[in-house]
């Protein structure tokens, strides 16, 4: 629940590394033994928030188009000009919190100049002994042959039938494919016999520099496969599985003209050009496979061992009432910081025990912004904690022992409930940190949010009634 900061970039040269020259990669190093190389990077939804716009069955999945673009970059670094083949072995699921390290490893050349390539990941910050998970493996090929002929200079394609796009991304969402605006790049679609043509583009002001082909742009081109009826409709979405003959001719494209055919079952071929018809990227063949929800949790468990942990709220039984248990002591209520200070001073003079002190958590003014409310509530809450924990008398078992902060709508313990007071929710995080350092001295109690008040006076009355009810139950 802490703000995640991006790691500062260090001096690569001083570490004996070079720049990888790719937005998803940080460094590259040539291996002394075997003429191979390694490119490394770190992926997270905070550092690359656009990846959260590619959801498959609710999981943020690194697009297959991103994996092939990493292989393209590795090929260029190794002096190769195409990805001869790249087979995806397991999905790379990005965690909601934290990051993953990635490595693109290129082997030395064989007798024909071909090199192996692989992509691995592991959770960031888990130690050097954490195993790596394999996501893709393939072969890079040396330069050979001329660039493909200009096939898409005539646009729109002659004698092609325009197809409607209405509701397509909504239908994909029903199949479990949630695409944000960046990945909804399909603009126009045509069909001519066994060919499908598409026009795709990135949203205006999207930065495409550094990529061979921006993953969202190439992914959008593949959306034409389903809508164009190029492959049979199975009622399930497909994702890339095996790339063959991928060759990059130009970089920096923000819009593409695309031609797709299907040379074999579950397979498409792709040619993409810029607005003048000049080739940008060609894919000799791409095998697509359907994906189901039960295939992704296993990937999360392998790549991110902590991803299956979640915050749980167990229901505590009240008991059958046969055995009386006196677990309560004197309860004293104060209204605010001033009341707490007065209580502590009074208890010290009178020597009267009070096992538990209840204080309503501070609440921000409804006339201020949410950010201002957070600052106000956490600042006033911190003052309560400092007063309580900084007073030596609160550690004397004969006097006050526990401080209960009463919030309302700060947590959502039951399915279907939501946090209604983000400011008090922030206070929960602050108090929970203090609880770990002061066991047994602080308690948090949260009430069910009250209905929206008709006026400020009604709001105050609702607060008083709810707090009184909570005090009676405590």
Foldseek 3Di string as FASTA:
>chain_A
DDDDDDDDDDDQVVVVWAQLLAPAWGTKHADPPQRKIKTKGKDACVSVVLLVQWWFLRFSWDAPLVVLQVVCSRCVVSQFFWFQKKFFDAIDTHFNDAIKMKMWIWGHADPQGKIKIWMWIATPPPDPPQDIDTTMIGITHHDDDDDDDQDPQDPPDPPWAWDDDPCLQVLQVVQRTRGDQQLQFWDTWTDDVQKIKTKGFGPPPDFFGSTLGPSSRVNSLCSNCVRVVNAPDPVHDKGWGMFRTKGADGGDAGMWIKMWGAPDHQKIWIWIDHNNSHTGMTTGMIHIDGDDPVRPVVSCCSRPVCSPDDDADDDDDPDPPPDDDDPDDAEAEDEAPVRVVVVVVVCVVVVAAHAEYEYEQDFADPVDDLVVRLVVRQVRLVSNVCVQVVDPVCVPNSHYPAYEYEEEQLDANDPPHHRPRVSVVSVVVVVVVVCVVPPRHYHYHYHYHDPDDPDPVRVVVVVVVVVVVVVVVD
